[in-house]
């Protein structure tokens, strides 16, 4: 843990708040550490509530790297504005002045060889002093701790890394390598790793090569970002699918996320809607359905169980493989032909 961050624990705090801060700080990535250093200078926390809100809002900050001064910021300005200027124009551009203009439109702080941009607009405060149990660090897929001869204690890398998605702009991996003093992940050893899903199992037993782990962690991260093209209730459905498939490795989890649409889902909080749809299919008049003459929840539960759906352990999602659904439909059609 960064000793500077020990100042957080000098602020009056409850035991639960202290445990939450210690857990969050224990896997702070190289990128997050730089952002935190800038954020603390921008808005020094005066209470534990301030410190927790700061730690819970690190994703609201952006970082430019490398940024040794205003000339580098000028180049970021061109990228941010999507200006693809000819070399002749660039040769006569005052990059330093352009960097000052970038700072005016993106206020921030130079720290080490980075420029950290402060959030724009009014920042939300996730922690109100009472909701610590619901305050979760969730916008990641895999965290990898890499070690090198220059940094044997290791540095955390938070995935996914968005450099490829952002036209090669350095992100988590580049900042971790900078801290480790190496040029590539292949020069590092794997010191620790964790997946946001316990179903992924022990990553240290599954991977020897950190390059392979980062590749898979990135894949999972992008799948989580896509949320199966905006599938409603994606997180709960994925959890139910992982349970159904008995996922035990990171590759299992990735495969489940990739193929989540092979399942049919019915959310428990939508049982009445499901029941109404099925009753209409069965020929029940809508007037009778809306009159409350049917036990909608009971009918839905019975119908789903008879159709082969399984209720997940959280009792929030019913699911079954679509192949099973198709087989049952085909069987019904065959019976009709026989009859």
C-alpha atoms as a PDB file:
ATOM      1  CA  UNK A   1       0.000   0.000   0.000  1.00  0.00           C
ATOM      2  CA  UNK A   2       1.217   3.498  -0.806  1.00  0.00           C
ATOM      3  CA  UNK A   3       2.331   5.028   2.497  1.00  0.00           C
ATOM      4  CA  UNK A   4       0.836   8.375   1.451  1.00  0.00           C
ATOM      5  CA  UNK A   5      -2.547   6.690   1.448  1.00  0.00           C
ATOM      6  CA  UNK A   6      -2.115   5.814   5.116  1.00  0.00           C
ATOM      7  CA  UNK A   7      -3.313   9.368   5.754  1.00  0.00           C
ATOM      8  CA  UNK A   8      -6.797   8.095   4.927  1.00  0.00           C
ATOM      9  CA  UNK A   9      -6.703   5.952   8.053  1.00  0.00           C
ATOM     10  CA  UNK A  10      -5.858   8.950  10.230  1.00  0.00           C
ATOM     11  CA  UNK A  11      -9.287  10.360   9.412  1.00  0.00           C
ATOM     12  CA  UNK A  12     -12.001   9.391  11.925  1.00  0.00           C
ATOM     13  CA  UNK A  13     -13.693   6.296  10.519  1.00  0.00           C
ATOM     14  CA  UNK A  14     -15.707   3.272  11.530  1.00  0.00           C
ATOM     15  CA  UNK A  15     -14.221  -0.212  11.407  1.00  0.00           C
ATOM     16  CA  UNK A  16     -16.352  -1.021   8.345  1.00  0.00           C
ATOM     17  CA  UNK A  17     -15.113   2.127   6.580  1.00  0.00           C
ATOM     18  CA  UNK A  18     -11.520   1.238   7.410  1.00  0.00           C
ATOM     19  CA  UNK A  19     -11.966  -2.295   6.069  1.00  0.00           C
ATOM     20  CA  UNK A  20     -13.553  -0.952   2.869  1.00  0.00           C
ATOM     21  CA  UNK A  21     -10.704   1.527   2.273  1.00  0.00           C
ATOM     22  CA  UNK A  22      -8.047  -1.091   2.984  1.00  0.00           C
ATOM     23  CA  UNK A  23      -9.642  -3.548   0.543  1.00  0.00           C
ATOM     24  CA  UNK A  24      -9.961  -0.910  -2.182  1.00  0.00           C
ATOM     25  CA  UNK A  25      -6.413   0.376  -1.726  1.00  0.00           C
ATOM     26  CA  UNK A  26      -4.910  -3.128  -1.625  1.00  0.00           C
ATOM     27  CA  UNK A  27      -5.449  -3.692  -5.369  1.00  0.00           C
ATOM     28  CA  UNK A  28      -5.110  -0.124  -6.619  1.00  0.00           C
ATOM     29  CA  UNK A  29      -3.628  -0.257 -10.112  1.00  0.00           C
ATOM     30  CA  UNK A  30      -0.715   1.864 -11.328  1.00  0.00           C
ATOM     31  CA  UNK A  31      -3.138   4.056 -13.281  1.00  0.00           C
ATOM     32  CA  UNK A  32      -5.479   4.425 -10.300  1.00  0.00           C
ATOM     33  CA  UNK A  33      -2.561   5.321  -8.022  1.00  0.00           C
ATOM     34  CA  UNK A  34      -1.621   8.238 -10.279  1.00  0.00           C
ATOM     35  CA  UNK A  35      -5.242   9.398 -10.485  1.00  0.00           C
ATOM     36  CA  UNK A  36      -5.623   9.119  -6.721  1.00  0.00           C
ATOM     37  CA  UNK A  37      -2.505  11.216  -6.127  1.00  0.00           C
ATOM     38  CA  UNK A  38      -3.881  13.964  -8.381  1.00  0.00           C
ATOM     39  CA  UNK A  39      -7.404  13.702  -6.946  1.00  0.00           C
ATOM     40  CA  UNK A  40      -6.111  14.075  -3.395  1.00  0.00           C
ATOM     41  CA  UNK A  41      -4.330  17.283  -4.363  1.00  0.00           C
ATOM     42  CA  UNK A  42      -7.391  18.573  -6.183  1.00  0.00           C
ATOM     43  CA  UNK A  43      -9.863  17.781  -3.408  1.00  0.00           C
ATOM     44  CA  UNK A  44      -8.087  16.746  -0.200  1.00  0.00           C
ATOM     45  CA  UNK A  45     -10.402  14.460   1.821  1.00  0.00           C
ATOM     46  CA  UNK A  46     -11.288  15.841   5.233  1.00  0.00           C
ATOM     47  CA  UNK A  47     -13.443  12.935   6.419  1.00  0.00           C
ATOM     48  CA  UNK A  48     -13.643   9.192   5.830  1.00  0.00           C
ATOM     49  CA  UNK A  49     -16.791   9.870   3.802  1.00  0.00           C
ATOM     50  CA  UNK A  50     -14.735  12.155   1.527  1.00  0.00           C
ATOM     51  CA  UNK A  51     -11.993   9.524   1.193  1.00  0.00           C
ATOM     52  CA  UNK A  52     -14.425   6.735   0.298  1.00  0.00           C
ATOM     53  CA  UNK A  53     -16.210   8.915  -2.246  1.00  0.00           C
ATOM     54  CA  UNK A  54     -12.875   9.791  -3.796  1.00  0.00           C
ATOM     55  CA  UNK A  55     -11.857   6.122  -4.045  1.00  0.00           C
ATOM     56  CA  UNK A  56     -15.260   5.219  -5.468  1.00  0.00           C
ATOM     57  CA  UNK A  57     -15.003   7.899  -8.176  1.00  0.00           C
ATOM     58  CA  UNK A  58     -11.556   7.293  -9.679  1.00  0.00           C
ATOM     59  CA  UNK A  59     -13.153   6.192 -12.952  1.00  0.00           C
ATOM     60  CA  UNK A  60     -14.459   9.758 -13.404  1.00  0.00           C
ATOM     61  CA  UNK A  61     -10.899  11.042 -13.992  1.00  0.00           C
ATOM     62  CA  UNK A  62      -9.036  10.781 -17.293  1.00  0.00           C
ATOM     63  CA  UNK A  63      -5.320  10.549 -17.782  1.00  0.00           C
ATOM     64  CA  UNK A  64      -2.932  11.612 -20.558  1.00  0.00           C
ATOM     65  CA  UNK A  65       0.333   9.664 -20.749  1.00  0.00           C
ATOM     66  CA  UNK A  66       3.060  10.446 -21.490  1.00  0.00           C
ATOM     67  CA  UNK A  67       2.610  14.124 -20.735  1.00  0.00           C
ATOM     68  CA  UNK A  68       5.835  15.809 -19.701  1.00  0.00           C
ATOM     69  CA  UNK A  69       4.495  19.288 -20.389  1.00  0.00           C
ATOM     70  CA  UNK A  70       2.286  21.478 -22.516  1.00  0.00           C
ATOM     71  CA  UNK A  71       3.760  20.322 -25.823  1.00  0.00           C
ATOM     72  CA  UNK A  72       2.528  16.793 -25.111  1.00  0.00           C
ATOM     73  CA  UNK A  73      -0.850  18.200 -24.118  1.00  0.00           C
ATOM     74  CA  UNK A  74      -0.947  20.014 -27.446  1.00  0.00           C
ATOM     75  CA  UNK A  75      -0.670  16.680 -29.224  1.00  0.00           C
ATOM     76  CA  UNK A  76      -3.477  15.319 -27.053  1.00  0.00           C
ATOM     77  CA  UNK A  77      -5.520  18.343 -28.088  1.00  0.00           C
ATOM     78  CA  UNK A  78      -5.139  17.353 -31.748  1.00  0.00           C
ATOM     79  CA  UNK A  79      -6.173  13.786 -30.959  1.00  0.00           C
ATOM     80  CA  UNK A  80      -9.116  14.867 -28.797  1.00  0.00           C
ATOM     81  CA  UNK A  81     -10.377  17.180 -31.526  1.00  0.00           C
ATOM     82  CA  UNK A  82      -9.847  14.497 -34.205  1.00  0.00           C
ATOM     83  CA  UNK A  83      -7.659  16.907 -36.188  1.00  0.00           C
ATOM     84  CA  UNK A  84      -5.608  15.024 -38.771  1.00  0.00           C
ATOM     85  CA  UNK A  85      -3.452  17.908 -39.940  1.00  0.00           C
ATOM     86  CA  UNK A  86      -0.777  17.666 -42.655  1.00  0.00           C
ATOM     87  CA  UNK A  87       2.857  17.486 -41.524  1.00  0.00           C
ATOM     88  CA  UNK A  88       3.523  20.965 -42.937  1.00  0.00           C
ATOM     89  CA  UNK A  89       0.797  22.454 -40.736  1.00  0.00           C
ATOM     90  CA  UNK A  90       2.020  20.543 -37.674  1.00  0.00           C
ATOM     91  CA  UNK A  91       5.559  21.819 -38.234  1.00  0.00           C
ATOM     92  CA  UNK A  92       4.244  25.368 -37.839  1.00  0.00           C
ATOM     93  CA  UNK A  93       1.878  24.692 -34.926  1.00  0.00           C
ATOM     94  CA  UNK A  94       2.652  26.103 -31.483  1.00  0.00           C
ATOM     95  CA  UNK A  95       2.134  22.869 -29.556  1.00  0.00           C
ATOM     96  CA  UNK A  96       2.823  24.518 -26.211  1.00  0.00           C
ATOM     97  CA  UNK A  97       0.109  27.120 -26.761  1.00  0.00           C
ATOM     98  CA  UNK A  98      -2.198  24.362 -27.945  1.00  0.00           C
ATOM     99  CA  UNK A  99      -1.421  22.480 -24.713  1.00  0.00           C
ATOM    100  CA  UNK A 100      -2.362  25.521 -22.636  1.00  0.00           C
ATOM    101  CA  UNK A 101      -5.643  25.663 -24.556  1.00  0.00           C
ATOM    102  CA  UNK A 102      -6.162  21.976 -23.812  1.00  0.00           C
ATOM    103  CA  UNK A 103      -5.633  22.631 -20.103  1.00  0.00           C
ATOM    104  CA  UNK A 104      -8.177  25.466 -20.229  1.00  0.00           C
ATOM    105  CA  UNK A 105     -10.811  23.142 -21.672  1.00  0.00           C
ATOM    106  CA  UNK A 106      -9.708  20.099 -19.639  1.00  0.00           C
ATOM    107  CA  UNK A 107      -8.572  21.356 -16.205  1.00  0.00           C
ATOM    108  CA  UNK A 108      -6.235  18.982 -14.472  1.00  0.00           C
ATOM    109  CA  UNK A 109      -2.844  18.425 -12.887  1.00  0.00           C
ATOM    110  CA  UNK A 110       0.599  17.370 -14.130  1.00  0.00           C
ATOM    111  CA  UNK A 111       1.893  14.570 -11.939  1.00  0.00           C
ATOM    112  CA  UNK A 112       5.086  12.645 -12.708  1.00  0.00           C
ATOM    113  CA  UNK A 113       4.962  12.249 -16.497  1.00  0.00           C
ATOM    114  CA  UNK A 114       1.176  12.241 -16.688  1.00  0.00           C
ATOM    115  CA  UNK A 115      -1.610  14.788 -16.883  1.00  0.00           C
ATOM    116  CA  UNK A 116      -4.738  13.896 -14.908  1.00  0.00           C
ATOM    117  CA  UNK A 117      -7.955  15.577 -16.034  1.00  0.00           C
ATOM    118  CA  UNK A 118     -10.484  16.417 -13.347  1.00  0.00           C
ATOM    119  CA  UNK A 119     -14.112  15.316 -13.792  1.00  0.00           C
ATOM    120  CA  UNK A 120     -16.382  17.836 -15.471  1.00  0.00           C
ATOM    121  CA  UNK A 121     -19.706  18.915 -14.026  1.00  0.00           C
ATOM    122  CA  UNK A 122     -21.007  18.123 -10.578  1.00  0.00           C
ATOM    123  CA  UNK A 123     -19.584  14.865  -9.242  1.00  0.00           C
ATOM    124  CA  UNK A 124     -21.905  12.286  -7.779  1.00  0.00           C
ATOM    125  CA  UNK A 125     -21.050  11.033  -4.310  1.00  0.00           C
ATOM    126  CA  UNK A 126     -21.695   7.288  -4.208  1.00  0.00           C
ATOM    127  CA  UNK A 127     -21.265   7.041  -0.419  1.00  0.00           C
ATOM    128  CA  UNK A 128     -23.721   8.838   1.842  1.00  0.00           C
ATOM    129  CA  UNK A 129     -22.417   7.449   5.121  1.00  0.00           C
ATOM    130  CA  UNK A 130     -24.972   4.640   5.352  1.00  0.00           C
ATOM    131  CA  UNK A 131     -24.723   2.563   2.156  1.00  0.00           C
ATOM    132  CA  UNK A 132     -21.235   1.076   2.475  1.00  0.00           C
ATOM    133  CA  UNK A 133     -22.531  -2.488   1.990  1.00  0.00           C
ATOM    134  CA  UNK A 134     -23.845  -1.628  -1.477  1.00  0.00           C
ATOM    135  CA  UNK A 135     -20.767   0.338  -2.532  1.00  0.00           C
ATOM    136  CA  UNK A 136     -18.882  -2.036  -4.792  1.00  0.00           C
ATOM    137  CA  UNK A 137     -15.840  -1.756  -7.025  1.00  0.00           C
ATOM    138  CA  UNK A 138     -17.314  -3.408 -10.113  1.00  0.00           C
ATOM    139  CA  UNK A 139     -16.099  -1.792 -13.341  1.00  0.00           C
ATOM    140  CA  UNK A 140     -13.372  -4.345 -14.063  1.00  0.00           C
ATOM    141  CA  UNK A 141     -13.051  -7.938 -15.200  1.00  0.00           C
ATOM    142  CA  UNK A 142      -9.677  -9.151 -13.945  1.00  0.00           C
ATOM    143  CA  UNK A 143      -6.972  -7.582 -11.800  1.00  0.00           C
ATOM    144  CA  UNK A 144      -3.426  -8.812 -12.424  1.00  0.00           C
ATOM    145  CA  UNK A 145      -0.437  -8.158 -10.198  1.00  0.00           C
ATOM    146  CA  UNK A 146       2.806  -8.150 -12.180  1.00  0.00           C
ATOM    147  CA  UNK A 147       6.328  -8.180 -10.746  1.00  0.00           C
ATOM    148  CA  UNK A 148       9.690  -7.277 -12.268  1.00  0.00           C
ATOM    149  CA  UNK A 149      13.305  -7.075 -11.078  1.00  0.00           C
ATOM    150  CA  UNK A 150      12.831  -3.325 -10.564  1.00  0.00           C
ATOM    151  CA  UNK A 151       9.551  -3.850  -8.689  1.00  0.00           C
ATOM    152  CA  UNK A 152       9.618  -7.293  -7.043  1.00  0.00           C
ATOM    153  CA  UNK A 153       6.700  -6.387  -4.761  1.00  0.00           C
ATOM    154  CA  UNK A 154       4.528  -6.071  -7.850  1.00  0.00           C
ATOM    155  CA  UNK A 155       2.135  -3.591  -9.446  1.00  0.00           C
ATOM    156  CA  UNK A 156      -1.572  -4.099 -10.050  1.00  0.00           C
ATOM    157  CA  UNK A 157      -3.061  -3.867 -13.547  1.00  0.00           C
ATOM    158  CA  UNK A 158      -6.811  -3.400 -13.872  1.00  0.00           C
ATOM    159  CA  UNK A 159      -8.540  -4.865 -16.919  1.00  0.00           C
ATOM    160  CA  UNK A 160      -9.827  -4.262 -19.460  1.00  0.00           C
ATOM    161  CA  UNK A 161      -7.131  -2.065 -20.943  1.00  0.00           C
ATOM    162  CA  UNK A 162      -8.640   0.327 -23.497  1.00  0.00           C
ATOM    163  CA  UNK A 163      -5.523   1.328 -25.446  1.00  0.00           C
ATOM    164  CA  UNK A 164      -6.523  -0.571 -28.594  1.00  0.00           C
ATOM    165  CA  UNK A 165     -10.057   0.802 -28.408  1.00  0.00           C
ATOM    166  CA  UNK A 166      -8.687   4.343 -28.026  1.00  0.00           C
ATOM    167  CA  UNK A 167      -6.393   4.417 -31.079  1.00  0.00           C
ATOM    168  CA  UNK A 168      -3.405   3.183 -29.098  1.00  0.00           C
ATOM    169  CA  UNK A 169      -3.606   5.845 -26.359  1.00  0.00           C
ATOM    170  CA  UNK A 170      -1.686   4.398 -23.371  1.00  0.00           C
ATOM    171  CA  UNK A 171      -3.884   2.980 -20.643  1.00  0.00           C
ATOM    172  CA  UNK A 172      -3.567   0.581 -17.696  1.00  0.00           C
ATOM    173  CA  UNK A 173      -0.919  -1.706 -19.190  1.00  0.00           C
ATOM    174  CA  UNK A 174       1.397   1.103 -20.309  1.00  0.00           C
ATOM    175  CA  UNK A 175       1.264   2.767 -16.897  1.00  0.00           C
ATOM    176  CA  UNK A 176       1.880  -0.529 -15.112  1.00  0.00           C
ATOM    177  CA  UNK A 177       4.892  -1.275 -17.339  1.00  0.00           C
ATOM    178  CA  UNK A 178       6.224   2.226 -16.699  1.00  0.00           C
ATOM    179  CA  UNK A 179       6.063   1.544 -12.963  1.00  0.00           C
ATOM    180  CA  UNK A 180       7.644  -1.892 -13.412  1.00  0.00           C
ATOM    181  CA  UNK A 181      10.494  -0.521 -15.517  1.00  0.00           C
ATOM    182  CA  UNK A 182      10.024  -2.970 -18.404  1.00  0.00           C
ATOM    183  CA  UNK A 183       8.948  -2.662 -22.013  1.00  0.00           C
ATOM    184  CA  UNK A 184       6.524  -5.570 -22.255  1.00  0.00           C
ATOM    185  CA  UNK A 185       4.364  -7.851 -20.124  1.00  0.00           C
ATOM    186  CA  UNK A 186       6.451 -10.829 -21.288  1.00  0.00           C
ATOM    187  CA  UNK A 187       9.282  -9.456 -19.136  1.00  0.00           C
ATOM    188  CA  UNK A 188       7.087  -9.710 -16.019  1.00  0.00           C
ATOM    189  CA  UNK A 189       6.140 -12.510 -13.691  1.00  0.00           C
ATOM    190  CA  UNK A 190       2.641 -13.149 -12.406  1.00  0.00           C
ATOM    191  CA  UNK A 191       2.460 -12.311  -8.702  1.00  0.00           C
ATOM    192  CA  UNK A 192      -1.304 -12.425  -8.088  1.00  0.00           C
ATOM    193  CA  UNK A 193      -4.602 -12.269  -9.945  1.00  0.00           C
ATOM    194  CA  UNK A 194      -8.305 -12.121  -9.268  1.00  0.00           C
ATOM    195  CA  UNK A 195     -11.474 -12.132 -11.338  1.00  0.00           C
ATOM    196  CA  UNK A 196     -14.576 -10.148 -10.461  1.00  0.00           C
ATOM    197  CA  UNK A 197     -16.494 -13.445 -10.673  1.00  0.00           C
ATOM    198  CA  UNK A 198     -15.646 -16.078  -8.023  1.00  0.00           C
ATOM    199  CA  UNK A 199     -16.850 -18.658 -10.558  1.00  0.00           C
ATOM    200  CA  UNK A 200     -13.595 -18.103 -12.481  1.00  0.00           C
ATOM    201  CA  UNK A 201     -11.710 -19.984  -9.775  1.00  0.00           C
ATOM    202  CA  UNK A 202      -8.039 -19.625  -8.876  1.00  0.00           C
ATOM    203  CA  UNK A 203      -6.400 -17.757 -11.766  1.00  0.00           C
ATOM    204  CA  UNK A 204      -2.891 -18.443 -10.473  1.00  0.00           C
ATOM    205  CA  UNK A 205      -3.503 -22.165 -10.987  1.00  0.00           C
ATOM    206  CA  UNK A 206      -4.845 -21.610 -14.511  1.00  0.00           C
ATOM    207  CA  UNK A 207      -2.170 -19.305 -15.960  1.00  0.00           C
ATOM    208  CA  UNK A 208       1.621 -19.304 -16.013  1.00  0.00           C
ATOM    209  CA  UNK A 209       1.995 -16.642 -18.692  1.00  0.00           C
ATOM    210  CA  UNK A 210       0.679 -13.167 -17.720  1.00  0.00           C
ATOM    211  CA  UNK A 211       0.274 -12.338 -21.430  1.00  0.00           C
ATOM    212  CA  UNK A 212      -2.358 -15.071 -21.772  1.00  0.00           C
ATOM    213  CA  UNK A 213      -4.144 -13.975 -18.618  1.00  0.00           C
ATOM    214  CA  UNK A 214      -4.253 -10.327 -19.720  1.00  0.00           C
ATOM    215  CA  UNK A 215      -5.567 -11.387 -23.130  1.00  0.00           C
ATOM    216  CA  UNK A 216      -8.405 -13.363 -21.542  1.00  0.00           C
ATOM    217  CA  UNK A 217      -9.067 -10.677 -18.923  1.00  0.00           C
ATOM    218  CA  UNK A 218      -9.413  -8.097 -21.677  1.00  0.00           C
ATOM    219  CA  UNK A 219     -11.807 -10.325 -23.598  1.00  0.00           C
ATOM    220  CA  UNK A 220     -14.015 -10.746 -20.551  1.00  0.00           C
ATOM    221  CA  UNK A 221     -13.885  -7.016 -19.849  1.00  0.00           C
ATOM    222  CA  UNK A 222     -15.066  -6.116 -23.335  1.00  0.00           C
ATOM    223  CA  UNK A 223     -17.860  -8.701 -23.125  1.00  0.00           C
ATOM    224  CA  UNK A 224     -19.011  -7.155 -19.850  1.00  0.00           C
ATOM    225  CA  UNK A 225     -18.905  -3.699 -21.418  1.00  0.00           C
ATOM    226  CA  UNK A 226     -21.029  -4.855 -24.351  1.00  0.00           C
ATOM    227  CA  UNK A 227     -23.596  -6.459 -22.024  1.00  0.00           C
ATOM    228  CA  UNK A 228     -24.656  -8.770 -24.866  1.00  0.00           C
ATOM    229  CA  UNK A 229     -25.598  -5.758 -27.029  1.00  0.00           C
ATOM    230  CA  UNK A 230     -27.516  -4.097 -24.217  1.00  0.00           C
ATOM    231  CA  UNK A 231     -29.360  -7.094 -22.796  1.00  0.00           C
ATOM    232  CA  UNK A 232     -31.629  -5.998 -19.935  1.00  0.00           C
ATOM    233  CA  UNK A 233     -30.730  -7.541 -16.583  1.00  0.00           C
ATOM    234  CA  UNK A 234     -27.426  -8.735 -18.077  1.00  0.00           C
ATOM    235  CA  UNK A 235     -25.565  -9.133 -14.773  1.00  0.00           C
ATOM    236  CA  UNK A 236     -28.243 -11.271 -13.128  1.00  0.00           C
ATOM    237  CA  UNK A 237     -28.715 -13.348 -16.267  1.00  0.00           C
ATOM    238  CA  UNK A 238     -24.984 -13.950 -16.624  1.00  0.00           C
ATOM    239  CA  UNK A 239     -24.737 -15.022 -12.976  1.00  0.00           C
ATOM    240  CA  UNK A 240     -27.584 -17.486 -13.516  1.00  0.00           C
ATOM    241  CA  UNK A 241     -25.977 -18.817 -16.721  1.00  0.00           C
ATOM    242  CA  UNK A 242     -22.608 -19.305 -14.980  1.00  0.00           C
ATOM    243  CA  UNK A 243     -24.357 -21.247 -12.241  1.00  0.00           C
ATOM    244  CA  UNK A 244     -26.207 -23.384 -14.796  1.00  0.00           C
ATOM    245  CA  UNK A 245     -22.967 -24.139 -16.677  1.00  0.00           C
ATOM    246  CA  UNK A 246     -21.073 -24.781 -13.418  1.00  0.00           C
ATOM    247  CA  UNK A 247     -18.269 -22.409 -14.457  1.00  0.00           C
ATOM    248  CA  UNK A 248     -14.979 -23.056 -12.676  1.00  0.00           C
ATOM    249  CA  UNK A 249     -12.346 -21.297 -14.779  1.00  0.00           C
ATOM    250  CA  UNK A 250     -11.899 -17.910 -16.428  1.00  0.00           C
ATOM    251  CA  UNK A 251     -12.286 -19.525 -19.860  1.00  0.00           C
ATOM    252  CA  UNK A 252     -15.581 -21.048 -18.659  1.00  0.00           C
ATOM    253  CA  UNK A 253     -16.810 -17.588 -17.655  1.00  0.00           C
ATOM    254  CA  UNK A 254     -15.731 -16.065 -20.989  1.00  0.00           C
ATOM    255  CA  UNK A 255     -17.463 -18.829 -22.929  1.00  0.00           C
ATOM    256  CA  UNK A 256     -20.634 -18.361 -20.907  1.00  0.00           C
ATOM    257  CA  UNK A 257     -20.615 -14.588 -21.495  1.00  0.00           C
ATOM    258  CA  UNK A 258     -19.984 -15.087 -25.227  1.00  0.00           C
ATOM    259  CA  UNK A 259     -22.875 -17.525 -25.570  1.00  0.00           C
ATOM    260  CA  UNK A 260     -25.356 -16.049 -23.117  1.00  0.00           C
ATOM    261  CA  UNK A 261     -28.014 -15.786 -25.819  1.00  0.00           C
ATOM    262  CA  UNK A 262     -28.186 -19.565 -26.047  1.00  0.00           C
ATOM    263  CA  UNK A 263     -30.334 -19.308 -22.909  1.00  0.00           C
ATOM    264  CA  UNK A 264     -33.909 -18.163 -22.567  1.00  0.00           C
ATOM    265  CA  UNK A 265     -34.489 -16.101 -19.425  1.00  0.00           C
ATOM    266  CA  UNK A 266     -37.504 -14.997 -17.438  1.00  0.00           C
ATOM    267  CA  UNK A 267     -36.865 -12.581 -14.578  1.00  0.00           C
ATOM    268  CA  UNK A 268     -38.768 -13.301 -11.369  1.00  0.00           C
ATOM    269  CA  UNK A 269     -39.838  -9.674 -11.126  1.00  0.00           C
ATOM    270  CA  UNK A 270     -41.462 -10.089 -14.564  1.00  0.00           C
ATOM    271  CA  UNK A 271     -43.443 -13.256 -13.779  1.00  0.00           C
ATOM    272  CA  UNK A 272     -46.821 -11.533 -14.029  1.00  0.00           C
ATOM    273  CA  UNK A 273     -45.965 -10.160 -17.485  1.00  0.00           C
ATOM    274  CA  UNK A 274     -44.865 -13.634 -18.559  1.00  0.00           C
ATOM    275  CA  UNK A 275     -48.089 -15.149 -17.198  1.00  0.00           C
ATOM    276  CA  UNK A 276     -50.280 -12.653 -19.054  1.00  0.00           C
ATOM    277  CA  UNK A 277     -48.496 -13.399 -22.335  1.00  0.00           C
ATOM    278  CA  UNK A 278     -48.861 -17.155 -21.896  1.00  0.00           C
ATOM    279  CA  UNK A 279     -52.524 -16.872 -20.856  1.00  0.00           C
ATOM    280  CA  UNK A 280     -53.271 -14.873 -23.997  1.00  0.00           C
ATOM    281  CA  UNK A 281     -51.520 -17.553 -26.068  1.00  0.00           C
ATOM    282  CA  UNK A 282     -53.739 -20.133 -24.371  1.00  0.00           C
ATOM    283  CA  UNK A 283     -56.848 -18.210 -25.401  1.00  0.00           C
ATOM    284  CA  UNK A 284     -57.791 -16.557 -22.099  1.00  0.00           C
ATOM    285  CA  UNK A 285     -59.722 -13.306 -22.724  1.00  0.00           C
ATOM    286  CA  UNK A 286     -57.707 -10.200 -21.843  1.00  0.00           C
ATOM    287  CA  UNK A 287     -60.643  -8.837 -19.829  1.00  0.00           C
ATOM    288  CA  UNK A 288     -60.505 -11.863 -17.521  1.00  0.00           C
ATOM    289  CA  UNK A 289     -56.728 -11.640 -17.215  1.00  0.00           C
ATOM    290  CA  UNK A 290     -56.873  -7.969 -16.228  1.00  0.00           C
ATOM    291  CA  UNK A 291     -59.786  -8.633 -13.844  1.00  0.00           C
ATOM    292  CA  UNK A 292     -57.447 -10.526 -11.523  1.00  0.00           C
ATOM    293  CA  UNK A 293     -59.189 -13.899 -11.887  1.00  0.00           C
ATOM    294  CA  UNK A 294     -55.923 -15.793 -12.383  1.00  0.00           C
ATOM    295  CA  UNK A 295     -53.086 -16.453  -9.939  1.00  0.00           C
ATOM    296  CA  UNK A 296     -50.508 -14.960 -12.301  1.00  0.00           C
ATOM    297  CA  UNK A 297     -47.426 -15.738 -10.224  1.00  0.00           C
ATOM    298  CA  UNK A 298     -48.490 -19.303  -9.478  1.00  0.00           C
ATOM    299  CA  UNK A 299     -49.403 -19.933 -13.102  1.00  0.00           C
ATOM    300  CA  UNK A 300     -46.080 -18.522 -14.306  1.00  0.00           C
ATOM    301  CA  UNK A 301     -44.021 -20.610 -11.873  1.00  0.00           C
ATOM    302  CA  UNK A 302     -45.905 -23.805 -12.790  1.00  0.00           C
ATOM    303  CA  UNK A 303     -45.695 -23.067 -16.512  1.00  0.00           C
ATOM    304  CA  UNK A 304     -41.958 -22.382 -16.381  1.00  0.00           C
ATOM    305  CA  UNK A 305     -41.187 -25.521 -14.389  1.00  0.00           C
ATOM    306  CA  UNK A 306     -43.267 -27.654 -16.775  1.00  0.00           C
ATOM    307  CA  UNK A 307     -41.380 -26.075 -19.691  1.00  0.00           C
ATOM    308  CA  UNK A 308     -38.011 -27.077 -18.268  1.00  0.00           C
ATOM    309  CA  UNK A 309     -36.874 -23.753 -16.811  1.00  0.00           C
ATOM    310  CA  UNK A 310     -34.649 -23.784 -13.729  1.00  0.00           C
ATOM    311  CA  UNK A 311     -34.708 -21.158 -10.971  1.00  0.00           C
ATOM    312  CA  UNK A 312     -31.234 -19.889 -10.065  1.00  0.00           C
ATOM    313  CA  UNK A 313     -29.976 -19.973  -6.485  1.00  0.00           C
ATOM    314  CA  UNK A 314     -30.683 -16.269  -5.955  1.00  0.00           C
ATOM    315  CA  UNK A 315     -34.284 -16.974  -6.950  1.00  0.00           C
ATOM    316  CA  UNK A 316     -34.262 -13.993  -9.284  1.00  0.00           C
ATOM    317  CA  UNK A 317     -33.980 -15.648 -12.717  1.00  0.00           C
ATOM    318  CA  UNK A 318     -35.536 -18.635 -14.499  1.00  0.00           C
ATOM    319  CA  UNK A 319     -33.498 -19.991 -17.397  1.00  0.00           C
ATOM    320  CA  UNK A 320     -33.089 -22.891 -19.800  1.00  0.00           C
ATOM    321  CA  UNK A 321     -31.009 -23.516 -22.917  1.00  0.00           C
ATOM    322  CA  UNK A 322     -32.750 -22.480 -26.127  1.00  0.00           C
ATOM    323  CA  UNK A 323     -31.709 -25.809 -27.674  1.00  0.00           C
ATOM    324  CA  UNK A 324     -33.858 -27.521 -25.057  1.00  0.00           C
ATOM    325  CA  UNK A 325     -36.679 -25.133 -25.907  1.00  0.00           C
ATOM    326  CA  UNK A 326     -36.315 -25.927 -29.621  1.00  0.00           C
ATOM    327  CA  UNK A 327     -36.215 -29.672 -28.962  1.00  0.00           C
ATOM    328  CA  UNK A 328     -39.416 -29.472 -26.925  1.00  0.00           C
ATOM    329  CA  UNK A 329     -41.118 -27.496 -29.717  1.00  0.00           C
ATOM    330  CA  UNK A 330     -39.979 -30.023 -32.329  1.00  0.00           C
ATOM    331  CA  UNK A 331     -41.213 -32.900 -30.154  1.00  0.00           C
ATOM    332  CA  UNK A 332     -44.608 -31.248 -29.823  1.00  0.00           C
ATOM    333  CA  UNK A 333     -44.807 -30.808 -33.593  1.00  0.00           C
ATOM    334  CA  UNK A 334     -43.909 -34.478 -34.129  1.00  0.00           C
ATOM    335  CA  UNK A 335     -46.662 -35.543 -31.727  1.00  0.00           C
ATOM    336  CA  UNK A 336     -49.170 -33.410 -33.623  1.00  0.00           C
ATOM    337  CA  UNK A 337     -48.180 -35.148 -36.859  1.00  0.00           C
ATOM    338  CA  UNK A 338     -48.608 -38.584 -35.262  1.00  0.00           C
ATOM    339  CA  UNK A 339     -51.998 -37.661 -33.835  1.00  0.00           C
END
